[in-house]
């Protein structure tokens, strides 16, 4: 997977591109899945609003994305 900057991405775009990440938001008790503000707020803004460490949460999302990509590759082969 190529590198990309999640911190400045819109939360709604993250969940649309990588649906599995919604579980990470839920595990952290974030209302982002289904929130009316998800299409407007960046991940950095959301982490600040929830008092989460941005770097730690980005790593959580990257693991989720990597897992989703691995699962898709296995289902293709």
PDB file of N, CA and C in Angstrom:
ATOM      1  N   UNK A   1       0.850  -1.181   0.000  1.00  0.00           N
ATOM      2  CA  UNK A   1       0.000   0.000   0.000  1.00  0.00           C
ATOM      3  C   UNK A   1       0.891   1.238   0.000  1.00  0.00           C
ATOM      4  N   UNK A   2       0.551   2.184  -0.797  1.00  0.00           N
ATOM      5  CA  UNK A   2       1.327   3.413  -0.834  1.00  0.00           C
ATOM      6  C   UNK A   2       0.979   4.285   0.369  1.00  0.00           C
ATOM      7  N   UNK A   3       1.876   5.175   0.695  1.00  0.00           N
ATOM      8  CA  UNK A   3       1.664   6.076   1.830  1.00  0.00           C
ATOM      9  C   UNK A   3       0.683   7.176   1.444  1.00  0.00           C
ATOM     10  N   UNK A   4      -0.111   7.586   2.382  1.00  0.00           N
ATOM     11  CA  UNK A   4      -1.064   8.658   2.168  1.00  0.00           C
ATOM     12  C   UNK A   4      -1.275   9.344   3.504  1.00  0.00           C
ATOM     13  N   UNK A   5      -1.667  10.587   3.479  1.00  0.00           N
ATOM     14  CA  UNK A   5      -1.826  11.381   4.695  1.00  0.00           C
ATOM     15  C   UNK A   5      -3.263  11.296   5.198  1.00  0.00           C
ATOM     16  N   UNK A   6      -3.493  10.420   6.152  1.00  0.00           N
ATOM     17  CA  UNK A   6      -4.833  10.277   6.719  1.00  0.00           C
ATOM     18  C   UNK A   6      -5.230  11.479   7.559  1.00  0.00           C
ATOM     19  N   UNK A   7      -4.277  12.102   8.229  1.00  0.00           N
ATOM     20  CA  UNK A   7      -4.609  13.155   9.190  1.00  0.00           C
ATOM     21  C   UNK A   7      -5.364  14.324   8.572  1.00  0.00           C
ATOM     22  N   UNK A   8      -5.139  14.610   7.306  1.00  0.00           N
ATOM     23  CA  UNK A   8      -5.830  15.721   6.651  1.00  0.00           C
ATOM     24  C   UNK A   8      -6.985  15.273   5.760  1.00  0.00           C
ATOM     25  N   UNK A   9      -7.280  13.979   5.790  1.00  0.00           N
ATOM     26  CA  UNK A   9      -8.405  13.474   5.000  1.00  0.00           C
ATOM     27  C   UNK A   9      -9.713  13.702   5.754  1.00  0.00           C
ATOM     28  N   UNK A  10     -10.777  13.866   5.008  1.00  0.00           N
ATOM     29  CA  UNK A  10     -12.108  13.999   5.582  1.00  0.00           C
ATOM     30  C   UNK A  10     -12.543  12.622   6.095  1.00  0.00           C
ATOM     31  N   UNK A  11     -13.094  12.593   7.300  1.00  0.00           N
ATOM     32  CA  UNK A  11     -13.468  11.332   7.941  1.00  0.00           C
ATOM     33  C   UNK A  11     -14.455  10.539   7.082  1.00  0.00           C
ATOM     34  N   UNK A  12     -15.433  11.207   6.512  1.00  0.00           N
ATOM     35  CA  UNK A  12     -16.389  10.515   5.643  1.00  0.00           C
ATOM     36  C   UNK A  12     -15.720   9.868   4.449  1.00  0.00           C
ATOM     37  N   UNK A  13     -14.701  10.525   3.904  1.00  0.00           N
ATOM     38  CA  UNK A  13     -13.960   9.963   2.771  1.00  0.00           C
ATOM     39  C   UNK A  13     -13.168   8.732   3.189  1.00  0.00           C
ATOM     40  N   UNK A  14     -12.596   8.779   4.390  1.00  0.00           N
ATOM     41  CA  UNK A  14     -11.842   7.627   4.903  1.00  0.00           C
ATOM     42  C   UNK A  14     -12.755   6.415   5.011  1.00  0.00           C
ATOM     43  N   UNK A  15     -13.918   6.601   5.633  1.00  0.00           N
ATOM     44  CA  UNK A  15     -14.839   5.474   5.819  1.00  0.00           C
ATOM     45  C   UNK A  15     -15.434   4.998   4.497  1.00  0.00           C
ATOM     46  N   UNK A  16     -15.608   5.894   3.530  1.00  0.00           N
ATOM     47  CA  UNK A  16     -16.122   5.488   2.220  1.00  0.00           C
ATOM     48  C   UNK A  16     -15.083   4.672   1.450  1.00  0.00           C
ATOM     49  N   UNK A  17     -13.833   5.087   1.525  1.00  0.00           N
ATOM     50  CA  UNK A  17     -12.766   4.398   0.796  1.00  0.00           C
ATOM     51  C   UNK A  17     -12.381   3.086   1.473  1.00  0.00           C
ATOM     52  N   UNK A  18     -12.381   3.083   2.807  1.00  0.00           N
ATOM     53  CA  UNK A  18     -12.006   1.911   3.588  1.00  0.00           C
ATOM     54  C   UNK A  18     -13.088   1.637   4.636  1.00  0.00           C
ATOM     55  N   UNK A  19     -14.179   0.987   4.257  1.00  0.00           N
ATOM     56  CA  UNK A  19     -15.315   0.792   5.174  1.00  0.00           C
ATOM     57  C   UNK A  19     -14.955   0.108   6.488  1.00  0.00           C
ATOM     58  N   UNK A  20     -13.943  -0.729   6.473  1.00  0.00           N
ATOM     59  CA  UNK A  20     -13.548  -1.438   7.690  1.00  0.00           C
ATOM     60  C   UNK A  20     -13.098  -0.473   8.801  1.00  0.00           C
ATOM     61  N   UNK A  21     -12.680   0.733   8.428  1.00  0.00           N
ATOM     62  CA  UNK A  21     -12.228   1.688   9.441  1.00  0.00           C
ATOM     63  C   UNK A  21     -13.351   2.146  10.364  1.00  0.00           C
ATOM     64  N   UNK A  22     -14.589   2.001   9.938  1.00  0.00           N
ATOM     65  CA  UNK A  22     -15.720   2.394  10.797  1.00  0.00           C
ATOM     66  C   UNK A  22     -15.669   1.662  12.129  1.00  0.00           C
ATOM     67  N   UNK A  23     -15.191   0.420  12.119  1.00  0.00           N
ATOM     68  CA  UNK A  23     -15.077  -0.346  13.370  1.00  0.00           C
ATOM     69  C   UNK A  23     -14.088   0.317  14.330  1.00  0.00           C
ATOM     70  N   UNK A  24     -13.011   0.862  13.796  1.00  0.00           N
ATOM     71  CA  UNK A  24     -12.017   1.536  14.656  1.00  0.00           C
ATOM     72  C   UNK A  24     -12.632   2.774  15.303  1.00  0.00           C
ATOM     73  N   UNK A  25     -13.420   3.522  14.549  1.00  0.00           N
ATOM     74  CA  UNK A  25     -14.096   4.688  15.127  1.00  0.00           C
ATOM     75  C   UNK A  25     -15.050   4.236  16.232  1.00  0.00           C
ATOM     76  N   UNK A  26     -15.791   3.171  15.972  1.00  0.00           N
ATOM     77  CA  UNK A  26     -16.722   2.666  16.981  1.00  0.00           C
ATOM     78  C   UNK A  26     -15.999   2.174  18.224  1.00  0.00           C
ATOM     79  N   UNK A  27     -14.879   1.461  18.048  1.00  0.00           N
ATOM     80  CA  UNK A  27     -14.117   0.950  19.209  1.00  0.00           C
ATOM     81  C   UNK A  27     -13.634   2.081  20.100  1.00  0.00           C
ATOM     82  N   UNK A  28     -13.382   3.230  19.518  1.00  0.00           N
ATOM     83  CA  UNK A  28     -12.925   4.390  20.286  1.00  0.00           C
ATOM     84  C   UNK A  28     -14.097   5.268  20.739  1.00  0.00           C
ATOM     85  N   UNK A  29     -15.303   4.713  20.616  1.00  0.00           N
ATOM     86  CA  UNK A  29     -16.528   5.397  21.055  1.00  0.00           C
ATOM     87  C   UNK A  29     -16.712   6.755  20.372  1.00  0.00           C
ATOM     88  N   UNK A  30     -16.382   6.769  19.078  1.00  0.00           N
ATOM     89  CA  UNK A  30     -16.546   7.968  18.269  1.00  0.00           C
ATOM     90  C   UNK A  30     -17.828   7.816  17.450  1.00  0.00           C
ATOM     91  N   UNK A  31     -18.584   8.868  17.328  1.00  0.00           N
ATOM     92  CA  UNK A  31     -19.858   8.831  16.612  1.00  0.00           C
ATOM     93  C   UNK A  31     -19.709   9.065  15.112  1.00  0.00           C
ATOM     94  N   UNK A  32     -18.487   9.030  14.615  1.00  0.00           N
ATOM     95  CA  UNK A  32     -18.223   9.368  13.210  1.00  0.00           C
ATOM     96  C   UNK A  32     -19.040   8.561  12.207  1.00  0.00           C
ATOM     97  N   UNK A  33     -19.136   7.225  12.356  1.00  0.00           N
ATOM     98  CA  UNK A  33     -20.001   6.504  11.420  1.00  0.00           C
ATOM     99  C   UNK A  33     -21.452   6.963  11.626  1.00  0.00           C
ATOM    100  N   UNK A  34     -22.006   7.563  10.607  1.00  0.00           N
ATOM    101  CA  UNK A  34     -23.372   8.049  10.699  1.00  0.00           C
ATOM    102  C   UNK A  34     -23.509   9.486  11.155  1.00  0.00           C
ATOM    103  N   UNK A  35     -22.413  10.124  11.520  1.00  0.00           N
ATOM    104  CA  UNK A  35     -22.459  11.513  11.993  1.00  0.00           C
ATOM    105  C   UNK A  35     -22.629  12.467  10.803  1.00  0.00           C
ATOM    106  N   UNK A  36     -23.435  13.484  10.991  1.00  0.00           N
ATOM    107  CA  UNK A  36     -23.659  14.457   9.912  1.00  0.00           C
ATOM    108  C   UNK A  36     -22.418  15.309   9.644  1.00  0.00           C
ATOM    109  N   UNK A  37     -21.477  15.346  10.566  1.00  0.00           N
ATOM    110  CA  UNK A  37     -20.265  16.148  10.386  1.00  0.00           C
ATOM    111  C   UNK A  37     -19.137  15.368   9.707  1.00  0.00           C
ATOM    112  N   UNK A  38     -19.265  14.044   9.583  1.00  0.00           N
ATOM    113  CA  UNK A  38     -18.204  13.220   8.983  1.00  0.00           C
ATOM    114  C   UNK A  38     -17.799  13.688   7.585  1.00  0.00           C
ATOM    115  N   UNK A  39     -18.736  14.191   6.766  1.00  0.00           N
ATOM    116  CA  UNK A  39     -18.315  14.652   5.435  1.00  0.00           C
ATOM    117  C   UNK A  39     -17.572  15.986   5.438  1.00  0.00           C
ATOM    118  N   UNK A  40     -17.425  16.602   6.602  1.00  0.00           N
ATOM    119  CA  UNK A  40     -16.844  17.945   6.655  1.00  0.00           C
ATOM    120  C   UNK A  40     -15.580  18.060   7.509  1.00  0.00           C
ATOM    121  N   UNK A  41     -15.366  17.118   8.427  1.00  0.00           N
ATOM    122  CA  UNK A  41     -14.254  17.238   9.374  1.00  0.00           C
ATOM    123  C   UNK A  41     -13.091  16.334   8.986  1.00  0.00           C
ATOM    124  N   UNK A  42     -11.884  16.860   9.161  1.00  0.00           N
ATOM    125  CA  UNK A  42     -10.694  16.045   8.910  1.00  0.00           C
ATOM    126  C   UNK A  42     -10.467  15.123  10.103  1.00  0.00           C
ATOM    127  N   UNK A  43      -9.646  14.128   9.887  1.00  0.00           N
ATOM    128  CA  UNK A  43      -9.312  13.211  10.974  1.00  0.00           C
ATOM    129  C   UNK A  43      -8.629  13.961  12.109  1.00  0.00           C
ATOM    130  N   UNK A  44      -7.767  14.905  11.785  1.00  0.00           N
ATOM    131  CA  UNK A  44      -7.093  15.696  12.822  1.00  0.00           C
ATOM    132  C   UNK A  44      -8.101  16.461  13.673  1.00  0.00           C
ATOM    133  N   UNK A  45      -9.098  17.046  13.032  1.00  0.00           N
ATOM    134  CA  UNK A  45     -10.121  17.788  13.770  1.00  0.00           C
ATOM    135  C   UNK A  45     -10.935  16.869  14.670  1.00  0.00           C
ATOM    136  N   UNK A  46     -11.266  15.696  14.160  1.00  0.00           N
ATOM    137  CA  UNK A  46     -12.058  14.740  14.940  1.00  0.00           C
ATOM    138  C   UNK A  46     -11.256  14.237  16.140  1.00  0.00           C
ATOM    139  N   UNK A  47      -9.993  13.913  15.922  1.00  0.00           N
ATOM    140  CA  UNK A  47      -9.165  13.444  17.036  1.00  0.00           C
ATOM    141  C   UNK A  47      -9.040  14.518  18.110  1.00  0.00           C
ATOM    142  N   UNK A  48      -8.893  15.757  17.688  1.00  0.00           N
ATOM    143  CA  UNK A  48      -8.821  16.853  18.650  1.00  0.00           C
ATOM    144  C   UNK A  48     -10.136  16.966  19.424  1.00  0.00           C
ATOM    145  N   UNK A  49     -11.251  16.865  18.727  1.00  0.00           N
ATOM    146  CA  UNK A  49     -12.559  16.971  19.385  1.00  0.00           C
ATOM    147  C   UNK A  49     -12.779  15.855  20.400  1.00  0.00           C
ATOM    148  N   UNK A  50     -12.262  14.665  20.110  1.00  0.00           N
ATOM    149  CA  UNK A  50     -12.433  13.525  21.013  1.00  0.00           C
ATOM    150  C   UNK A  50     -11.279  13.368  22.002  1.00  0.00           C
ATOM    151  N   UNK A  51     -10.277  14.226  21.897  1.00  0.00           N
ATOM    152  CA  UNK A  51      -9.143  14.145  22.814  1.00  0.00           C
ATOM    153  C   UNK A  51      -8.261  12.933  22.571  1.00  0.00           C
ATOM    154  N   UNK A  52      -8.197  12.477  21.328  1.00  0.00           N
ATOM    155  CA  UNK A  52      -7.365  11.326  20.984  1.00  0.00           C
ATOM    156  C   UNK A  52      -6.043  11.780  20.393  1.00  0.00           C
ATOM    157  N   UNK A  53      -5.018  10.980  20.615  1.00  0.00           N
ATOM    158  CA  UNK A  53      -3.715  11.235  20.012  1.00  0.00           C
ATOM    159  C   UNK A  53      -3.813  10.905  18.529  1.00  0.00           C
ATOM    160  N   UNK A  54      -3.578  11.894  17.678  1.00  0.00           N
ATOM    161  CA  UNK A  54      -3.729  11.737  16.230  1.00  0.00           C
ATOM    162  C   UNK A  54      -2.817  10.650  15.689  1.00  0.00           C
ATOM    163  N   UNK A  55      -1.551  10.667  16.067  1.00  0.00           N
ATOM    164  CA  UNK A  55      -0.606   9.683  15.538  1.00  0.00           C
ATOM    165  C   UNK A  55      -1.013   8.259  15.901  1.00  0.00           C
ATOM    166  N   UNK A  56      -1.461   8.064  17.132  1.00  0.00           N
ATOM    167  CA  UNK A  56      -1.893   6.726  17.559  1.00  0.00           C
ATOM    168  C   UNK A  56      -3.123   6.268  16.779  1.00  0.00           C
ATOM    169  N   UNK A  57      -4.073   7.188  16.588  1.00  0.00           N
ATOM    170  CA  UNK A  57      -5.289   6.795  15.881  1.00  0.00           C
ATOM    171  C   UNK A  57      -5.018   6.563  14.399  1.00  0.00           C
ATOM    172  N   UNK A  58      -4.128   7.341  13.808  1.00  0.00           N
ATOM    173  CA  UNK A  58      -3.740   7.110  12.410  1.00  0.00           C
ATOM    174  C   UNK A  58      -3.155   5.705  12.281  1.00  0.00           C
ATOM    175  N   UNK A  59      -2.324   5.311  13.217  1.00  0.00           N
ATOM    176  CA  UNK A  59      -1.735   3.968  13.182  1.00  0.00           C
ATOM    177  C   UNK A  59      -2.816   2.899  13.302  1.00  0.00           C
ATOM    178  N   UNK A  60      -3.802   3.124  14.143  1.00  0.00           N
ATOM    179  CA  UNK A  60      -4.925   2.195  14.271  1.00  0.00           C
ATOM    180  C   UNK A  60      -5.659   2.059  12.936  1.00  0.00           C
ATOM    181  N   UNK A  61      -5.918   3.188  12.285  1.00  0.00           N
ATOM    182  CA  UNK A  61      -6.606   3.152  10.999  1.00  0.00           C
ATOM    183  C   UNK A  61      -5.758   2.470   9.930  1.00  0.00           C
ATOM    184  N   UNK A  62      -4.459   2.732   9.922  1.00  0.00           N
ATOM    185  CA  UNK A  62      -3.580   2.094   8.934  1.00  0.00           C
ATOM    186  C   UNK A  62      -3.595   0.575   9.096  1.00  0.00           C
ATOM    187  N   UNK A  63      -3.594   0.106  10.341  1.00  0.00           N
ATOM    188  CA  UNK A  63      -3.665  -1.347  10.569  1.00  0.00           C
ATOM    189  C   UNK A  63      -4.984  -1.901  10.037  1.00  0.00           C
ATOM    190  N   UNK A  64      -6.055  -1.181  10.274  1.00  0.00           N
ATOM    191  CA  UNK A  64      -7.364  -1.595   9.782  1.00  0.00           C
ATOM    192  C   UNK A  64      -7.385  -1.627   8.256  1.00  0.00           C
ATOM    193  N   UNK A  65      -6.830  -0.612   7.631  1.00  0.00           N
ATOM    194  CA  UNK A  65      -6.772  -0.537   6.167  1.00  0.00           C
ATOM    195  C   UNK A  65      -5.907  -1.662   5.610  1.00  0.00           C
ATOM    196  N   UNK A  66      -4.759  -1.893   6.226  1.00  0.00           N
ATOM    197  CA  UNK A  66      -3.875  -2.964   5.771  1.00  0.00           C
ATOM    198  C   UNK A  66      -4.556  -4.320   5.898  1.00  0.00           C
ATOM    199  N   UNK A  67      -5.282  -4.529   6.982  1.00  0.00           N
ATOM    200  CA  UNK A  67      -5.997  -5.788   7.179  1.00  0.00           C
ATOM    201  C   UNK A  67      -7.068  -5.954   6.109  1.00  0.00           C
ATOM    202  N   UNK A  68      -7.793  -4.881   5.833  1.00  0.00           N
ATOM    203  CA  UNK A  68      -8.842  -4.919   4.810  1.00  0.00           C
ATOM    204  C   UNK A  68      -8.236  -5.247   3.448  1.00  0.00           C
ATOM    205  N   UNK A  69      -7.096  -4.648   3.127  1.00  0.00           N
ATOM    206  CA  UNK A  69      -6.433  -4.911   1.850  1.00  0.00           C
ATOM    207  C   UNK A  69      -5.977  -6.363   1.766  1.00  0.00           C
ATOM    208  N   UNK A  70      -5.452  -6.892   2.863  1.00  0.00           N
ATOM    209  CA  UNK A  70      -5.005  -8.289   2.893  1.00  0.00           C
ATOM    210  C   UNK A  70      -6.183  -9.236   2.709  1.00  0.00           C
ATOM    211  N   UNK A  71      -7.290  -8.940   3.374  1.00  0.00           N
ATOM    212  CA  UNK A  71      -8.482  -9.774   3.258  1.00  0.00           C
ATOM    213  C   UNK A  71      -8.995  -9.784   1.823  1.00  0.00           C
ATOM    214  N   UNK A  72      -8.965  -8.628   1.153  1.00  0.00           N
ATOM    215  CA  UNK A  72      -9.429  -8.555  -0.232  1.00  0.00           C
ATOM    216  C   UNK A  72      -8.512  -9.342  -1.155  1.00  0.00           C
ATOM    217  N   UNK A  73      -7.219  -9.268  -0.923  1.00  0.00           N
ATOM    218  CA  UNK A  73      -6.267 -10.008  -1.759  1.00  0.00           C
ATOM    219  C   UNK A  73      -6.491 -11.516  -1.618  1.00  0.00           C
ATOM    220  N   UNK A  74      -6.752 -11.966  -0.373  1.00  0.00           N
ATOM    221  CA  UNK A  74      -6.964 -13.394  -0.144  1.00  0.00           C
ATOM    222  C   UNK A  74      -8.251 -13.861  -0.835  1.00  0.00           C
ATOM    223  N   UNK A  75      -9.271 -13.039  -0.854  1.00  0.00           N
ATOM    224  CA  UNK A  75     -10.526 -13.458  -1.478  1.00  0.00           C
ATOM    225  C   UNK A  75     -10.419 -13.485  -3.007  1.00  0.00           C
ATOM    226  N   UNK A  76      -9.477 -12.723  -3.556  1.00  0.00           N
ATOM    227  CA  UNK A  76      -9.274 -12.699  -5.003  1.00  0.00           C
ATOM    228  C   UNK A  76      -8.545 -13.964  -5.452  1.00  0.00           C
ATOM    229  N   UNK A  77      -7.581 -14.425  -4.637  1.00  0.00           N
ATOM    230  CA  UNK A  77      -6.781 -15.584  -5.058  1.00  0.00           C
ATOM    231  C   UNK A  77      -7.470 -16.893  -4.787  1.00  0.00           C
TER     232      UNK A  77
END
